[in-house]
PDB file of all heavy atoms in Angstrom:
ATOM      1  N   ASP A   1      -1.136   4.150  -8.276  1.00  0.00           N
ATOM      2  CA  ASP A   1      -1.142   3.765  -6.861  1.00  0.00           C
ATOM      3  C   ASP A   1      -1.793   4.867  -6.041  1.00  0.00           C
ATOM      4  O   ASP A   1      -1.903   6.014  -6.486  1.00  0.00           O
ATOM      5  CB  ASP A   1       0.280   3.491  -6.360  1.00  0.00           C
ATOM      6  CG  ASP A   1       1.063   4.773  -6.083  1.00  0.00           C
ATOM      7  OD1 ASP A   1       0.970   5.722  -6.890  1.00  0.00           O
ATOM      8  OD2 ASP A   1       1.764   4.838  -5.066  1.00  0.00           O
ATOM      9  N   VAL A   2      -2.265   4.525  -4.859  1.00  0.00           N
ATOM     10  CA  VAL A   2      -2.949   5.478  -3.979  1.00  0.00           C
ATOM     11  C   VAL A   2      -2.397   5.330  -2.569  1.00  0.00           C
ATOM     12  O   VAL A   2      -2.312   4.213  -2.042  1.00  0.00           O
ATOM     13  CB  VAL A   2      -4.478   5.220  -3.966  1.00  0.00           C
ATOM     14  CG1 VAL A   2      -5.163   6.086  -2.920  1.00  0.00           C
ATOM     15  CG2 VAL A   2      -5.067   5.501  -5.344  1.00  0.00           C
ATOM     16  N   SER A   3      -2.042   6.453  -1.956  1.00  0.00           N
ATOM     17  CA  SER A   3      -1.545   6.424  -0.577  1.00  0.00           C
ATOM     18  C   SER A   3      -2.625   6.834   0.421  1.00  0.00           C
ATOM     19  O   SER A   3      -2.526   6.525   1.609  1.00  0.00           O
ATOM     20  CB  SER A   3      -0.322   7.339  -0.431  1.00  0.00           C
ATOM     21  OG  SER A   3      -0.648   8.672  -0.787  1.00  0.00           O
ATOM     22  N   THR A   4      -3.667   7.540  -0.048  1.00  0.00           N
ATOM     23  CA  THR A   4      -4.778   7.935   0.831  1.00  0.00           C
ATOM     24  C   THR A   4      -5.498   6.690   1.344  1.00  0.00           C
ATOM     25  O   THR A   4      -5.740   5.754   0.588  1.00  0.00           O
ATOM     26  CB  THR A   4      -5.774   8.827   0.073  1.00  0.00           C
ATOM     27  OG1 THR A   4      -5.084   9.945  -0.499  1.00  0.00           O
ATOM     28  CG2 THR A   4      -6.869   9.333   0.997  1.00  0.00           C
ATOM     29  N   SER A   5      -5.862   6.675   2.616  1.00  0.00           N
ATOM     30  CA  SER A   5      -6.548   5.510   3.171  1.00  0.00           C
ATOM     31  C   SER A   5      -7.932   5.373   2.540  1.00  0.00           C
ATOM     32  O   SER A   5      -8.560   6.373   2.168  1.00  0.00           O
ATOM     33  CB  SER A   5      -6.691   5.644   4.688  1.00  0.00           C
ATOM     34  OG  SER A   5      -7.773   6.497   5.013  1.00  0.00           O
ATOM     35  N   PRO A   6      -8.438   4.136   2.400  1.00  0.00           N
ATOM     36  CA  PRO A   6      -9.772   3.954   1.814  1.00  0.00           C
ATOM     37  C   PRO A   6     -10.865   4.618   2.641  1.00  0.00           C
ATOM     38  O   PRO A   6     -11.904   5.005   2.101  1.00  0.00           O
ATOM     39  CB  PRO A   6      -9.930   2.424   1.773  1.00  0.00           C
ATOM     40  CG  PRO A   6      -8.980   1.908   2.792  1.00  0.00           C
ATOM     41  CD  PRO A   6      -7.811   2.853   2.772  1.00  0.00           C
ATOM     42  N   PHE A   7     -10.651   4.766   3.932  1.00  0.00           N
ATOM     43  CA  PHE A   7     -11.640   5.418   4.793  1.00  0.00           C
ATOM     44  C   PHE A   7     -11.732   6.903   4.456  1.00  0.00           C
ATOM     45  O   PHE A   7     -12.824   7.484   4.443  1.00  0.00           O
ATOM     46  CB  PHE A   7     -11.273   5.207   6.262  1.00  0.00           C
ATOM     47  CG  PHE A   7     -11.214   3.760   6.654  1.00  0.00           C
ATOM     48  CD1 PHE A   7     -10.011   3.066   6.613  1.00  0.00           C
ATOM     49  CD2 PHE A   7     -12.357   3.080   7.025  1.00  0.00           C
ATOM     50  CE1 PHE A   7      -9.956   1.716   6.950  1.00  0.00           C
ATOM     51  CE2 PHE A   7     -12.322   1.742   7.362  1.00  0.00           C
ATOM     52  CZ  PHE A   7     -11.115   1.049   7.321  1.00  0.00           C
ATOM     53  N   ASP A   8     -10.586   7.528   4.166  1.00  0.00           N
ATOM     54  CA  ASP A   8     -10.598   8.938   3.761  1.00  0.00           C
ATOM     55  C   ASP A   8     -11.137   9.091   2.345  1.00  0.00           C
ATOM     56  O   ASP A   8     -11.791  10.089   2.032  1.00  0.00           O
ATOM     57  CB  ASP A   8      -9.191   9.519   3.854  1.00  0.00           C
ATOM     58  CG  ASP A   8      -8.719   9.705   5.296  1.00  0.00           C
ATOM     59  OD1 ASP A   8      -9.580   9.763   6.194  1.00  0.00           O
ATOM     60  OD2 ASP A   8      -7.490   9.770   5.516  1.00  0.00           O
ATOM     61  N   LEU A   9     -10.865   8.122   1.483  1.00  0.00           N
ATOM     62  CA  LEU A   9     -11.375   8.188   0.119  1.00  0.00           C
ATOM     63  C   LEU A   9     -12.892   8.215   0.096  1.00  0.00           C
ATOM     64  O   LEU A   9     -13.506   8.884  -0.742  1.00  0.00           O
ATOM     65  CB  LEU A   9     -10.879   6.988  -0.689  1.00  0.00           C
ATOM     66  CG  LEU A   9      -9.398   6.955  -1.071  1.00  0.00           C
ATOM     67  CD1 LEU A   9      -9.058   5.621  -1.728  1.00  0.00           C
ATOM     68  CD2 LEU A   9      -9.049   8.105  -2.006  1.00  0.00           C
ATOM     69  N   LEU A  10     -13.512   7.489   1.009  1.00  0.00           N
ATOM     70  CA  LEU A  10     -14.968   7.357   1.015  1.00  0.00           C
ATOM     71  C   LEU A  10     -15.668   8.333   1.949  1.00  0.00           C
ATOM     72  O   LEU A  10     -16.892   8.339   2.039  1.00  0.00           O
ATOM     73  CB  LEU A  10     -15.343   5.918   1.392  1.00  0.00           C
ATOM     74  CG  LEU A  10     -15.109   4.917   0.259  1.00  0.00           C
ATOM     75  CD1 LEU A  10     -14.859   3.518   0.781  1.00  0.00           C
ATOM     76  CD2 LEU A  10     -16.284   4.917  -0.708  1.00  0.00           C
ATOM     77  N   SER A  11     -14.907   9.142   2.647  1.00  0.00           N
ATOM     78  CA  SER A  11     -15.533  10.099   3.564  1.00  0.00           C
ATOM     79  C   SER A  11     -16.014  11.329   2.810  1.00  0.00           C
ATOM     80  O   SER A  11     -15.521  11.647   1.730  1.00  0.00           O
ATOM     81  CB  SER A  11     -14.533  10.527   4.648  1.00  0.00           C
ATOM     82  OG  SER A  11     -13.461  11.240   4.071  1.00  0.00           O
ATOM     83  N   GLY A  12     -16.984  12.034   3.391  1.00  0.00           N
ATOM     84  CA  GLY A  12     -17.464  13.252   2.779  1.00  0.00           C
ATOM     85  C   GLY A  12     -16.504  14.399   3.036  1.00  0.00           C
ATOM     86  O   GLY A  12     -15.890  14.486   4.090  1.00  0.00           O
ATOM     87  N   SER A  13     -16.348  15.265   2.062  1.00  0.00           N
ATOM     88  CA  SER A  13     -15.417  16.371   2.226  1.00  0.00           C
ATOM     89  C   SER A  13     -15.679  17.425   1.171  1.00  0.00           C
ATOM     90  O   SER A  13     -16.303  17.165   0.144  1.00  0.00           O
ATOM     91  CB  SER A  13     -13.969  15.863   2.091  1.00  0.00           C
ATOM     92  OG  SER A  13     -13.050  16.931   2.121  1.00  0.00           O
ATOM     93  N   ALA A  14     -15.172  18.618   1.443  1.00  0.00           N
ATOM     94  CA  ALA A  14     -15.137  19.644   0.419  1.00  0.00           C
ATOM     95  C   ALA A  14     -14.012  19.262  -0.545  1.00  0.00           C
ATOM     96  O   ALA A  14     -13.417  18.190  -0.429  1.00  0.00           O
ATOM     97  CB  ALA A  14     -14.874  21.001   1.061  1.00  0.00           C
ATOM     98  N   VAL A  15     -13.717  20.125  -1.489  1.00  0.00           N
ATOM     99  CA  VAL A  15     -12.642  19.847  -2.435  1.00  0.00           C
ATOM    100  C   VAL A  15     -11.359  19.550  -1.669  1.00  0.00           C
ATOM    101  O   VAL A  15     -10.978  20.284  -0.758  1.00  0.00           O
ATOM    102  CB  VAL A  15     -12.440  21.041  -3.385  1.00  0.00           C
ATOM    103  CG1 VAL A  15     -11.263  20.788  -4.319  1.00  0.00           C
ATOM    104  CG2 VAL A  15     -13.706  21.295  -4.180  1.00  0.00           C
ATOM    105  N   ALA A  16     -10.691  18.461  -2.032  1.00  0.00           N
ATOM    106  CA  ALA A  16      -9.462  18.035  -1.356  1.00  0.00           C
ATOM    107  C   ALA A  16      -8.367  17.859  -2.401  1.00  0.00           C
ATOM    108  O   ALA A  16      -8.227  16.767  -2.976  1.00  0.00           O
ATOM    109  CB  ALA A  16      -9.697  16.751  -0.576  1.00  0.00           C
ATOM    110  N   PRO A  17      -7.586  18.900  -2.677  1.00  0.00           N
ATOM    111  CA  PRO A  17      -6.553  18.810  -3.723  1.00  0.00           C
ATOM    112  C   PRO A  17      -5.554  17.691  -3.489  1.00  0.00           C
ATOM    113  O   PRO A  17      -5.065  17.089  -4.452  1.00  0.00           O
ATOM    114  CB  PRO A  17      -5.873  20.190  -3.653  1.00  0.00           C
ATOM    115  CG  PRO A  17      -6.913  21.094  -3.075  1.00  0.00           C
ATOM    116  CD  PRO A  17      -7.657  20.253  -2.085  1.00  0.00           C
ATOM    117  N   ASP A  18      -5.244  17.390  -2.220  1.00  0.00           N
ATOM    118  CA  ASP A  18      -4.261  16.340  -1.954  1.00  0.00           C
ATOM    119  C   ASP A  18      -4.777  14.970  -2.385  1.00  0.00           C
ATOM    120  O   ASP A  18      -4.030  14.171  -2.968  1.00  0.00           O
ATOM    121  CB  ASP A  18      -3.874  16.330  -0.473  1.00  0.00           C
ATOM    122  CG  ASP A  18      -5.071  16.205   0.457  1.00  0.00           C
ATOM    123  OD1 ASP A  18      -6.183  16.590   0.045  1.00  0.00           O
ATOM    124  OD2 ASP A  18      -4.896  15.730   1.601  1.00  0.00           O
ATOM    125  N   ILE A  19      -6.061  14.697  -2.116  1.00  0.00           N
ATOM    126  CA  ILE A  19      -6.635  13.415  -2.533  1.00  0.00           C
ATOM    127  C   ILE A  19      -6.777  13.372  -4.050  1.00  0.00           C
ATOM    128  O   ILE A  19      -6.449  12.367  -4.693  1.00  0.00           O
ATOM    129  CB  ILE A  19      -7.995  13.175  -1.855  1.00  0.00           C
ATOM    130  CG1 ILE A  19      -7.815  13.059  -0.332  1.00  0.00           C
ATOM    131  CG2 ILE A  19      -8.670  11.929  -2.417  1.00  0.00           C
ATOM    132  CD1 ILE A  19      -9.101  12.832   0.431  1.00  0.00           C
ATOM    133  N   PHE A  20      -7.257  14.463  -4.647  1.00  0.00           N
ATOM    134  CA  PHE A  20      -7.400  14.529  -6.102  1.00  0.00           C
ATOM    135  C   PHE A  20      -6.060  14.271  -6.783  1.00  0.00           C
ATOM    136  O   PHE A  20      -5.967  13.488  -7.733  1.00  0.00           O
ATOM    137  CB  PHE A  20      -7.955  15.898  -6.499  1.00  0.00           C
ATOM    138  CG  PHE A  20      -8.082  16.098  -7.993  1.00  0.00           C
ATOM    139  CD1 PHE A  20      -9.150  15.544  -8.692  1.00  0.00           C
ATOM    140  CD2 PHE A  20      -7.140  16.843  -8.691  1.00  0.00           C
ATOM    141  CE1 PHE A  20      -9.270  15.723 -10.066  1.00  0.00           C
ATOM    142  CE2 PHE A  20      -7.249  17.032 -10.055  1.00  0.00           C
ATOM    143  CZ  PHE A  20      -8.316  16.476 -10.737  1.00  0.00           C
ATOM    144  N   ASP A  21      -4.996  14.901  -6.293  1.00  0.00           N
ATOM    145  CA  ASP A  21      -3.661  14.700  -6.870  1.00  0.00           C
ATOM    146  C   ASP A  21      -3.182  13.263  -6.679  1.00  0.00           C
ATOM    147  O   ASP A  21      -2.560  12.682  -7.577  1.00  0.00           O
ATOM    148  CB  ASP A  21      -2.659  15.661  -6.242  1.00  0.00           C
ATOM    149  CG  ASP A  21      -2.905  17.115  -6.631  1.00  0.00           C
ATOM    150  OD1 ASP A  21      -3.629  17.345  -7.629  1.00  0.00           O
ATOM    151  OD2 ASP A  21      -2.392  18.016  -5.939  1.00  0.00           O
ATOM    152  N   ASP A  22      -3.471  12.699  -5.520  1.00  0.00           N
ATOM    153  CA  ASP A  22      -3.024  11.342  -5.214  1.00  0.00           C
ATOM    154  C   ASP A  22      -3.601  10.327  -6.196  1.00  0.00           C
ATOM    155  O   ASP A  22      -2.935   9.329  -6.542  1.00  0.00           O
ATOM    156  CB  ASP A  22      -3.429  10.978  -3.785  1.00  0.00           C
ATOM    157  CG  ASP A  22      -2.867   9.641  -3.318  1.00  0.00           C
ATOM    158  OD1 ASP A  22      -1.828   9.211  -3.852  1.00  0.00           O
ATOM    159  OD2 ASP A  22      -3.466   9.035  -2.414  1.00  0.00           O
ATOM    160  N   LEU A  23      -4.830  10.551  -6.655  1.00  0.00           N
ATOM    161  CA  LEU A  23      -5.482   9.595  -7.543  1.00  0.00           C
ATOM    162  C   LEU A  23      -4.916   9.606  -8.955  1.00  0.00           C
ATOM    163  O   LEU A  23      -5.234   8.708  -9.750  1.00  0.00           O
ATOM    164  CB  LEU A  23      -6.988   9.870  -7.602  1.00  0.00           C
ATOM    165  CG  LEU A  23      -7.754   9.756  -6.280  1.00  0.00           C
ATOM    166  CD1 LEU A  23      -9.237  10.009  -6.507  1.00  0.00           C
ATOM    167  CD2 LEU A  23      -7.541   8.389  -5.645  1.00  0.00           C
ATOM    168  N   GLY A  24      -4.076  10.592  -9.282  1.00  0.00           N
ATOM    169  CA  GLY A  24      -3.534  10.660 -10.644  1.00  0.00           C
ATOM    170  C   GLY A  24      -2.046  10.873 -10.688  1.00  0.00           C
ATOM    171  O   GLY A  24      -1.532  11.447 -11.660  1.00  0.00           O
ATOM    172  N   SER A  25      -1.334  10.426  -9.666  1.00  0.00           N
ATOM    173  CA  SER A  25       0.117  10.608  -9.637  1.00  0.00           C
ATOM    174  C   SER A  25       0.764   9.416  -8.934  1.00  0.00           C
ATOM    175  O   SER A  25       0.079   8.549  -8.397  1.00  0.00           O
ATOM    176  CB  SER A  25       0.477  11.910  -8.911  1.00  0.00           C
ATOM    177  OG  SER A  25       0.030  11.864  -7.560  1.00  0.00           O
ATOM    178  N   GLY A  26       2.086   9.402  -8.939  1.00  0.00           N
ATOM    179  CA  GLY A  26       2.806   8.302  -8.299  1.00  0.00           C
ATOM    180  C   GLY A  26       3.101   7.185  -9.275  1.00  0.00           C
ATOM    181  O   GLY A  26       3.344   7.406 -10.469  1.00  0.00           O
ATOM    182  N   LYS A  27       3.072   5.957  -8.776  1.00  0.00           N
ATOM    183  CA  LYS A  27       3.374   4.798  -9.629  1.00  0.00           C
ATOM    184  C   LYS A  27       2.238   4.550 -10.624  1.00  0.00           C
ATOM    185  O   LYS A  27       1.070   4.548 -10.245  1.00  0.00           O
ATOM    186  CB  LYS A  27       3.544   3.535  -8.786  1.00  0.00           C
ATOM    187  CG  LYS A  27       4.659   3.563  -7.776  1.00  0.00           C
ATOM    188  CD  LYS A  27       4.655   2.258  -6.984  1.00  0.00           C
ATOM    189  CE  LYS A  27       5.577   2.323  -5.796  1.00  0.00           C
ATOM    190  NZ  LYS A  27       5.476   1.086  -4.958  1.00  0.00           N
ATOM    191  N   LEU A  28       2.609   4.329 -11.870  1.00  0.00           N
ATOM    192  CA  LEU A  28       1.630   3.947 -12.875  1.00  0.00           C
ATOM    193  C   LEU A  28       1.493   2.430 -12.844  1.00  0.00           C
ATOM    194  O   LEU A  28       2.463   1.706 -13.080  1.00  0.00           O
ATOM    195  CB  LEU A  28       2.072   4.418 -14.257  1.00  0.00           C
ATOM    196  CG  LEU A  28       1.101   4.168 -15.414  1.00  0.00           C
ATOM    197  CD1 LEU A  28      -0.220   4.888 -15.177  1.00  0.00           C
ATOM    198  CD2 LEU A  28       1.720   4.614 -16.733  1.00  0.00           C
ATOM    199  N   TYR A  29       0.294   1.948 -12.544  1.00  0.00           N
ATOM    200  CA  TYR A  29       0.038   0.517 -12.406  1.00  0.00           C
ATOM    201  C   TYR A  29      -0.375  -0.155 -13.716  1.00  0.00           C
ATOM    202  O   TYR A  29      -0.264  -1.374 -13.861  1.00  0.00           O
ATOM    203  CB  TYR A  29      -1.088   0.285 -11.397  1.00  0.00           C
ATOM    204  CG  TYR A  29      -0.678   0.317  -9.948  1.00  0.00           C
ATOM    205  CD1 TYR A  29      -1.644   0.460  -8.957  1.00  0.00           C
ATOM    206  CD2 TYR A  29       0.657   0.183  -9.553  1.00  0.00           C
ATOM    207  CE1 TYR A  29      -1.295   0.453  -7.606  1.00  0.00           C
ATOM    208  CE2 TYR A  29       1.010   0.197  -8.212  1.00  0.00           C
ATOM    209  CZ  TYR A  29       0.031   0.329  -7.242  1.00  0.00           C
ATOM    210  OH  TYR A  29       0.375   0.330  -5.910  1.00  0.00           O
ATOM    211  N   GLY A  30      -0.898   0.623 -14.647  1.00  0.00           N
ATOM    212  CA  GLY A  30      -1.389   0.040 -15.888  1.00  0.00           C
ATOM    213  C   GLY A  30      -2.143   1.069 -16.704  1.00  0.00           C
ATOM    214  O   GLY A  30      -2.379   2.194 -16.250  1.00  0.00           O
ATOM    215  N   SER A  31      -2.535   0.675 -17.916  1.00  0.00           N
ATOM    216  CA  SER A  31      -3.197   1.614 -18.814  1.00  0.00           C
ATOM    217  C   SER A  31      -4.063   0.844 -19.802  1.00  0.00           C
ATOM    218  O   SER A  31      -3.755  -0.301 -20.163  1.00  0.00           O
ATOM    219  CB  SER A  31      -2.137   2.428 -19.570  1.00  0.00           C
ATOM    220  OG  SER A  31      -2.719   3.413 -20.375  1.00  0.00           O
ATOM    221  N   HIS A  32      -5.157   1.474 -20.217  1.00  0.00           N
ATOM    222  CA  HIS A  32      -6.056   0.840 -21.189  1.00  0.00           C
ATOM    223  C   HIS A  32      -6.580   1.904 -22.142  1.00  0.00           C
ATOM    224  O   HIS A  32      -7.036   2.973 -21.712  1.00  0.00           O
ATOM    225  CB  HIS A  32      -7.229   0.164 -20.480  1.00  0.00           C
ATOM    226  CG  HIS A  32      -8.151  -0.561 -21.416  1.00  0.00           C
ATOM    227  ND1 HIS A  32      -7.893  -1.836 -21.879  1.00  0.00           N
ATOM    228  CD2 HIS A  32      -9.319  -0.180 -21.998  1.00  0.00           C
ATOM    229  CE1 HIS A  32      -8.868  -2.220 -22.682  1.00  0.00           C
ATOM    230  NE2 HIS A  32      -9.739  -1.239 -22.778  1.00  0.00           N
ATOM    231  N   VAL A  33      -6.509   1.614 -23.438  1.00  0.00           N
ATOM    232  CA  VAL A  33      -6.999   2.539 -24.454  1.00  0.00           C
ATOM    233  C   VAL A  33      -8.408   2.145 -24.870  1.00  0.00           C
ATOM    234  O   VAL A  33      -8.662   0.995 -25.251  1.00  0.00           O
ATOM    235  CB  VAL A  33      -6.077   2.548 -25.690  1.00  0.00           C
ATOM    236  CG1 VAL A  33      -6.709   3.359 -26.820  1.00  0.00           C
ATOM    237  CG2 VAL A  33      -4.714   3.118 -25.327  1.00  0.00           C
ATOM    238  N   PHE A  34      -9.337   3.088 -24.782  1.00  0.00           N
ATOM    239  CA  PHE A  34     -10.700   2.917 -25.288  1.00  0.00           C
ATOM    240  C   PHE A  34     -10.732   3.565 -26.665  1.00  0.00           C
ATOM    241  O   PHE A  34     -10.819   4.788 -26.783  1.00  0.00           O
ATOM    242  CB  PHE A  34     -11.713   3.578 -24.362  1.00  0.00           C
ATOM    243  CG  PHE A  34     -11.915   2.866 -23.056  1.00  0.00           C
ATOM    244  CD1 PHE A  34     -11.036   3.071 -21.996  1.00  0.00           C
ATOM    245  CD2 PHE A  34     -12.975   1.993 -22.877  1.00  0.00           C
ATOM    246  CE1 PHE A  34     -11.214   2.414 -20.783  1.00  0.00           C
ATOM    247  CE2 PHE A  34     -13.168   1.333 -21.670  1.00  0.00           C
ATOM    248  CZ  PHE A  34     -12.281   1.545 -20.620  1.00  0.00           C
ATOM    249  N   ASP A  35     -10.624   2.749 -27.717  1.00  0.00           N
ATOM    250  CA  ASP A  35     -10.610   3.306 -29.073  1.00  0.00           C
ATOM    251  C   ASP A  35     -11.978   3.253 -29.747  1.00  0.00           C
ATOM    252  O   ASP A  35     -12.131   3.655 -30.892  1.00  0.00           O
ATOM    253  CB  ASP A  35      -9.574   2.592 -29.941  1.00  0.00           C
ATOM    254  CG  ASP A  35      -9.737   1.075 -29.932  1.00  0.00           C
ATOM    255  OD1 ASP A  35     -10.769   0.600 -29.405  1.00  0.00           O
ATOM    256  OD2 ASP A  35      -8.832   0.389 -30.429  1.00  0.00           O
TER     257      ASP A  35
END
């Protein structure tokens, strides 16, 4: 899941640890194995 707004996701920025962390934490929605 993602809490960051889509407008902030698509905006230009320097490194943003809060957004980076948001994209890989919180509720797990699903998973797929590439074997």
